Amino acid sequence: MTISQILETPNKKMNPSVKLKAIKKIVKAARESYGNTDIEIDTAPVNSCVGRVQIQYVSEKDKLALIKTAVEDIRVRAMEATECTTGIVFDKKVEELVAINPILCNIGKTTESSII
């Protein structure tokens, strides 16, 4: 399954937690293939309903929304690259953009509280 297919799967068939784990596996494979698994990809604060926060404080549903936006951006950037530069392979460009995307590389970070 691709990231887009996972995102389109209804929550009744695949809950957000399972979706995030599946996407994390795909991102890990892309990073391994690209060769940057040993590099920490930092992320800037992301927009949420309570303001700008680090991604580990965002809910699973909000992470999926951020991922959807990131995937749409990656698709557009990969298409532009292949149209502008002869010889660029779309899938390789997608792999590169996934491997360096700060949202996708940090979806596994969480901060949980047993109190709230």
N, C-alpha and C. Protein backbone atom coordinates (compact mmCIF):
# COMPACT_ATOMS: atom_id res chain seq x y z
N MET A 1 0.83 -1.19 0.00
CA MET A 1 0.00 0.00 0.00
C MET A 1 0.87 1.25 0.00
N THR A 2 0.42 2.27 -0.70
CA THR A 2 1.13 3.54 -0.71
C THR A 2 0.62 4.41 0.44
N ILE A 3 1.33 5.49 0.70
CA ILE A 3 0.89 6.41 1.75
C ILE A 3 -0.49 6.97 1.40
N SER A 4 -0.69 7.33 0.15
CA SER A 4 -1.99 7.87 -0.27
C SER A 4 -3.11 6.86 -0.06
N GLN A 5 -2.86 5.60 -0.39
CA GLN A 5 -3.88 4.56 -0.19
C GLN A 5 -4.20 4.38 1.29
N ILE A 6 -3.18 4.45 2.12
CA ILE A 6 -3.39 4.33 3.58
C ILE A 6 -4.25 5.49 4.07
N LEU A 7 -3.94 6.69 3.62
CA LEU A 7 -4.69 7.87 4.05
C LEU A 7 -6.15 7.80 3.60
N GLU A 8 -6.41 7.19 2.45
CA GLU A 8 -7.77 7.09 1.91
C GLU A 8 -8.57 5.95 2.53
N THR A 9 -7.91 5.04 3.24
CA THR A 9 -8.60 3.93 3.87
C THR A 9 -9.50 4.45 4.99
N PRO A 10 -10.78 4.06 4.99
CA PRO A 10 -11.68 4.53 6.06
C PRO A 10 -11.18 4.12 7.44
N ASN A 11 -11.44 4.97 8.43
CA ASN A 11 -10.99 4.70 9.80
C ASN A 11 -11.61 3.43 10.37
N LYS A 12 -12.77 3.02 9.86
CA LYS A 12 -13.39 1.78 10.34
C LYS A 12 -12.56 0.56 9.95
N LYS A 13 -11.87 0.65 8.80
CA LYS A 13 -11.03 -0.47 8.35
C LYS A 13 -9.61 -0.39 8.92
N MET A 14 -9.15 0.84 9.16
CA MET A 14 -7.78 1.04 9.65
C MET A 14 -7.79 2.28 10.52
N ASN A 15 -7.62 2.10 11.83
CA ASN A 15 -7.68 3.26 12.73
C ASN A 15 -6.42 4.14 12.57
N PRO A 16 -6.47 5.38 13.04
CA PRO A 16 -5.34 6.30 12.85
C PRO A 16 -4.00 5.76 13.37
N SER A 17 -4.02 5.05 14.46
CA SER A 17 -2.78 4.49 15.01
C SER A 17 -2.15 3.49 14.05
N VAL A 18 -2.97 2.63 13.48
CA VAL A 18 -2.47 1.63 12.52
C VAL A 18 -2.00 2.33 11.25
N LYS A 19 -2.72 3.35 10.81
CA LYS A 19 -2.31 4.10 9.63
C LYS A 19 -0.93 4.73 9.83
N LEU A 20 -0.73 5.34 11.00
CA LEU A 20 0.56 5.97 11.28
C LEU A 20 1.70 4.95 11.30
N LYS A 21 1.44 3.78 11.88
CA LYS A 21 2.48 2.74 11.90
C LYS A 21 2.81 2.27 10.49
N ALA A 22 1.80 2.12 9.64
CA ALA A 22 2.03 1.68 8.27
C ALA A 22 2.80 2.74 7.48
N ILE A 23 2.44 3.99 7.68
CA ILE A 23 3.14 5.08 6.99
C ILE A 23 4.57 5.18 7.49
N LYS A 24 4.76 5.00 8.78
CA LYS A 24 6.11 5.05 9.35
C LYS A 24 7.01 3.98 8.71
N LYS A 25 6.46 2.79 8.45
CA LYS A 25 7.23 1.73 7.79
C LYS A 25 7.64 2.14 6.38
N ILE A 26 6.72 2.76 5.65
CA ILE A 26 7.02 3.20 4.29
C ILE A 26 8.11 4.26 4.30
N VAL A 27 8.00 5.21 5.22
CA VAL A 27 9.00 6.28 5.33
C VAL A 27 10.35 5.69 5.72
N LYS A 28 10.35 4.74 6.63
CA LYS A 28 11.60 4.09 7.04
C LYS A 28 12.26 3.41 5.85
N ALA A 29 11.48 2.71 5.04
CA ALA A 29 12.02 2.03 3.85
C ALA A 29 12.58 3.05 2.86
N ALA A 30 11.88 4.17 2.67
CA ALA A 30 12.36 5.21 1.76
C ALA A 30 13.66 5.81 2.26
N ARG A 31 13.74 6.03 3.56
CA ARG A 31 14.97 6.60 4.13
C ARG A 31 16.13 5.61 4.04
N GLU A 32 15.85 4.33 4.24
CA GLU A 32 16.90 3.32 4.10
C GLU A 32 17.41 3.27 2.67
N SER A 33 16.50 3.30 1.72
CA SER A 33 16.87 3.27 0.31
C SER A 33 17.64 4.54 -0.08
N TYR A 34 17.21 5.67 0.44
CA TYR A 34 17.86 6.95 0.15
C TYR A 34 19.20 7.07 0.86
N GLY A 35 19.32 6.41 2.03
CA GLY A 35 20.59 6.38 2.74
C GLY A 35 20.76 7.44 3.81
N ASN A 36 19.66 7.93 4.38
CA ASN A 36 19.81 8.97 5.40
C ASN A 36 19.17 8.59 6.75
N THR A 37 19.13 7.31 7.04
CA THR A 37 18.51 6.89 8.30
C THR A 37 19.28 7.35 9.53
N ASP A 38 20.56 7.61 9.37
CA ASP A 38 21.37 8.03 10.52
C ASP A 38 21.34 9.54 10.75
N ILE A 39 20.61 10.25 9.91
CA ILE A 39 20.52 11.71 10.03
C ILE A 39 19.19 12.08 10.68
N GLU A 40 19.25 12.93 11.69
CA GLU A 40 18.05 13.42 12.36
C GLU A 40 17.46 14.55 11.52
N ILE A 41 16.22 14.38 11.09
CA ILE A 41 15.53 15.41 10.31
C ILE A 41 14.68 16.20 11.29
N ASP A 42 15.07 17.45 11.54
CA ASP A 42 14.32 18.29 12.48
C ASP A 42 13.07 18.83 11.82
N THR A 43 12.07 19.08 12.63
CA THR A 43 10.84 19.68 12.14
C THR A 43 10.55 20.97 12.89
N ALA A 44 10.00 21.90 12.18
CA ALA A 44 9.57 23.16 12.80
C ALA A 44 8.20 22.93 13.43
N PRO A 45 7.78 23.81 14.29
CA PRO A 45 6.42 23.68 14.83
C PRO A 45 5.39 23.64 13.70
N VAL A 46 4.32 22.90 13.94
CA VAL A 46 3.25 22.75 12.95
C VAL A 46 2.00 23.45 13.46
N ASN A 47 1.13 23.80 12.54
CA ASN A 47 -0.13 24.44 12.93
C ASN A 47 -1.08 23.41 13.51
N SER A 48 -1.74 23.79 14.58
CA SER A 48 -2.76 22.93 15.18
C SER A 48 -3.91 23.83 15.65
N CYS A 49 -4.95 23.23 16.16
CA CYS A 49 -6.10 24.03 16.62
C CYS A 49 -5.76 24.84 17.87
N VAL A 50 -4.64 24.55 18.52
CA VAL A 50 -4.22 25.31 19.71
C VAL A 50 -2.99 26.18 19.44
N GLY A 51 -2.68 26.39 18.17
CA GLY A 51 -1.53 27.20 17.80
C GLY A 51 -0.42 26.35 17.21
N ARG A 52 0.77 26.92 17.15
CA ARG A 52 1.93 26.21 16.58
C ARG A 52 2.59 25.39 17.67
N VAL A 53 2.71 24.09 17.43
CA VAL A 53 3.30 23.17 18.41
C VAL A 53 4.24 22.20 17.70
N GLN A 54 5.10 21.56 18.47
CA GLN A 54 5.95 20.51 17.92
C GLN A 54 5.08 19.31 17.57
N ILE A 55 5.50 18.54 16.59
CA ILE A 55 4.68 17.46 16.05
C ILE A 55 4.36 16.39 17.10
N GLN A 56 5.20 16.19 18.10
CA GLN A 56 4.92 15.16 19.09
C GLN A 56 3.70 15.47 19.94
N TYR A 57 3.24 16.73 19.94
CA TYR A 57 2.07 17.11 20.72
C TYR A 57 0.77 17.07 19.91
N VAL A 58 0.86 16.75 18.66
CA VAL A 58 -0.30 16.74 17.77
C VAL A 58 -0.99 15.37 17.84
N SER A 59 -2.31 15.37 17.78
CA SER A 59 -3.06 14.11 17.83
C SER A 59 -2.80 13.27 16.58
N GLU A 60 -3.14 12.00 16.66
CA GLU A 60 -2.95 11.10 15.52
C GLU A 60 -3.76 11.58 14.31
N LYS A 61 -4.98 12.01 14.53
CA LYS A 61 -5.82 12.49 13.42
C LYS A 61 -5.21 13.73 12.78
N ASP A 62 -4.66 14.62 13.60
CA ASP A 62 -4.02 15.82 13.06
C ASP A 62 -2.74 15.46 12.31
N LYS A 63 -2.01 14.47 12.80
CA LYS A 63 -0.81 14.02 12.10
C LYS A 63 -1.18 13.50 10.71
N LEU A 64 -2.28 12.76 10.63
CA LEU A 64 -2.71 12.24 9.33
C LEU A 64 -3.06 13.38 8.38
N ALA A 65 -3.66 14.44 8.89
CA ALA A 65 -3.97 15.61 8.05
C ALA A 65 -2.68 16.29 7.58
N LEU A 66 -1.70 16.41 8.46
CA LEU A 66 -0.41 16.99 8.09
C LEU A 66 0.29 16.12 7.04
N ILE A 67 0.19 14.81 7.21
CA ILE A 67 0.80 13.88 6.26
C ILE A 67 0.15 14.02 4.89
N LYS A 68 -1.18 14.14 4.87
CA LYS A 68 -1.88 14.30 3.60
C LYS A 68 -1.38 15.54 2.86
N THR A 69 -1.22 16.64 3.56
CA THR A 69 -0.71 17.87 2.96
C THR A 69 0.73 17.66 2.46
N ALA A 70 1.55 16.98 3.26
CA ALA A 70 2.94 16.73 2.88
C ALA A 70 3.01 15.86 1.63
N VAL A 71 2.16 14.85 1.54
CA VAL A 71 2.15 13.96 0.38
C VAL A 71 1.72 14.72 -0.88
N GLU A 72 0.73 15.57 -0.74
CA GLU A 72 0.29 16.38 -1.89
C GLU A 72 1.43 17.28 -2.36
N ASP A 73 2.15 17.88 -1.42
CA ASP A 73 3.29 18.73 -1.76
C ASP A 73 4.39 17.93 -2.44
N ILE A 74 4.67 16.75 -1.93
CA ILE A 74 5.71 15.89 -2.52
C ILE A 74 5.33 15.51 -3.95
N ARG A 75 4.08 15.17 -4.16
CA ARG A 75 3.62 14.78 -5.50
C ARG A 75 3.83 15.94 -6.49
N VAL A 76 3.45 17.14 -6.09
CA VAL A 76 3.60 18.31 -6.96
C VAL A 76 5.07 18.60 -7.22
N ARG A 77 5.88 18.59 -6.19
CA ARG A 77 7.31 18.89 -6.35
C ARG A 77 8.01 17.85 -7.22
N ALA A 78 7.62 16.58 -7.09
CA ALA A 78 8.22 15.53 -7.93
C ALA A 78 7.79 15.69 -9.39
N MET A 79 6.53 16.03 -9.62
CA MET A 79 6.07 16.25 -11.00
C MET A 79 6.80 17.43 -11.62
N GLU A 80 6.94 18.52 -10.87
CA GLU A 80 7.65 19.70 -11.37
C GLU A 80 9.10 19.36 -11.71
N ALA A 81 9.75 18.59 -10.85
CA ALA A 81 11.15 18.23 -11.09
C ALA A 81 11.30 17.41 -12.35
N THR A 82 10.39 16.45 -12.56
CA THR A 82 10.50 15.61 -13.76
C THR A 82 10.18 16.40 -15.03
N GLU A 83 9.32 17.40 -14.92
CA GLU A 83 9.00 18.21 -16.09
C GLU A 83 10.11 19.21 -16.41
N CYS A 84 10.82 19.65 -15.40
CA CYS A 84 11.84 20.68 -15.59
C CYS A 84 13.22 20.13 -15.92
N THR A 85 13.48 18.90 -15.50
CA THR A 85 14.82 18.34 -15.68
C THR A 85 14.73 16.97 -16.36
N THR A 86 15.30 16.88 -17.53
CA THR A 86 15.32 15.62 -18.26
C THR A 86 16.15 14.60 -17.49
N GLY A 87 15.61 13.41 -17.37
CA GLY A 87 16.35 12.32 -16.74
C GLY A 87 15.97 12.04 -15.30
N ILE A 88 15.20 12.92 -14.67
CA ILE A 88 14.77 12.66 -13.30
C ILE A 88 13.67 11.62 -13.34
N VAL A 89 13.81 10.61 -12.51
CA VAL A 89 12.82 9.54 -12.40
C VAL A 89 11.84 9.92 -11.29
N PHE A 90 10.56 9.95 -11.63
CA PHE A 90 9.52 10.39 -10.70
C PHE A 90 9.60 9.65 -9.37
N ASP A 91 9.64 8.31 -9.40
CA ASP A 91 9.65 7.53 -8.15
C ASP A 91 10.89 7.81 -7.30
N LYS A 92 12.03 8.03 -7.96
CA LYS A 92 13.25 8.34 -7.21
C LYS A 92 13.16 9.73 -6.56
N LYS A 93 12.55 10.65 -7.26
CA LYS A 93 12.38 11.99 -6.69
C LYS A 93 11.41 11.94 -5.52
N VAL A 94 10.34 11.16 -5.67
CA VAL A 94 9.39 10.98 -4.55
C VAL A 94 10.11 10.37 -3.36
N GLU A 95 10.91 9.33 -3.60
CA GLU A 95 11.66 8.69 -2.52
C GLU A 95 12.54 9.71 -1.81
N GLU A 96 13.24 10.54 -2.56
CA GLU A 96 14.10 11.57 -1.98
C GLU A 96 13.28 12.54 -1.12
N LEU A 97 12.18 13.02 -1.66
CA LEU A 97 11.37 14.00 -0.94
C LEU A 97 10.72 13.41 0.31
N VAL A 98 10.35 12.13 0.26
CA VAL A 98 9.82 11.45 1.44
C VAL A 98 10.92 11.32 2.49
N ALA A 99 12.11 10.94 2.05
CA ALA A 99 13.23 10.69 2.96
C ALA A 99 13.73 11.93 3.68
N ILE A 100 13.43 13.10 3.14
CA ILE A 100 13.90 14.33 3.78
C ILE A 100 12.76 15.19 4.32
N ASN A 101 11.53 14.73 4.20
CA ASN A 101 10.39 15.51 4.66
C ASN A 101 10.31 15.52 6.18
N PRO A 102 10.33 16.69 6.81
CA PRO A 102 10.35 16.75 8.27
C PRO A 102 9.08 16.21 8.94
N ILE A 103 7.94 16.34 8.29
CA ILE A 103 6.70 15.80 8.87
C ILE A 103 6.74 14.27 8.83
N LEU A 104 7.02 13.72 7.66
CA LEU A 104 7.02 12.26 7.53
C LEU A 104 8.11 11.60 8.38
N CYS A 105 9.24 12.25 8.51
CA CYS A 105 10.35 11.66 9.27
C CYS A 105 10.14 11.73 10.78
N ASN A 106 9.14 12.47 11.22
CA ASN A 106 8.93 12.64 12.66
C ASN A 106 7.54 12.23 13.14
N ILE A 107 6.82 11.46 12.34
CA ILE A 107 5.46 11.09 12.74
C ILE A 107 5.42 10.14 13.92
N GLY A 108 6.53 9.48 14.19
CA GLY A 108 6.56 8.54 15.31
C GLY A 108 6.77 9.19 16.66
N LYS A 109 7.14 10.46 16.66
CA LYS A 109 7.37 11.16 17.93
C LYS A 109 6.03 11.45 18.60
N THR A 110 5.94 11.11 19.86
CA THR A 110 4.71 11.40 20.62
C THR A 110 5.07 11.81 22.03
N THR A 111 4.19 12.55 22.63
CA THR A 111 4.27 12.87 24.05
C THR A 111 2.90 12.56 24.64
N GLU A 112 2.85 11.55 25.46
CA GLU A 112 1.59 11.11 26.05
C GLU A 112 1.56 11.47 27.52
N SER A 113 0.37 11.63 28.04
CA SER A 113 0.19 11.88 29.47
C SER A 113 -0.77 10.85 30.02
N SER A 114 -0.46 10.31 31.16
CA SER A 114 -1.37 9.36 31.80
C SER A 114 -2.40 10.09 32.63
N ILE A 115 -2.32 11.40 32.70
CA ILE A 115 -3.22 12.18 33.52
C ILE A 115 -4.33 12.84 32.70
N ILE A 116 -3.98 13.43 31.54
CA ILE A 116 -5.00 14.10 30.74
C ILE A 116 -5.23 13.39 29.42
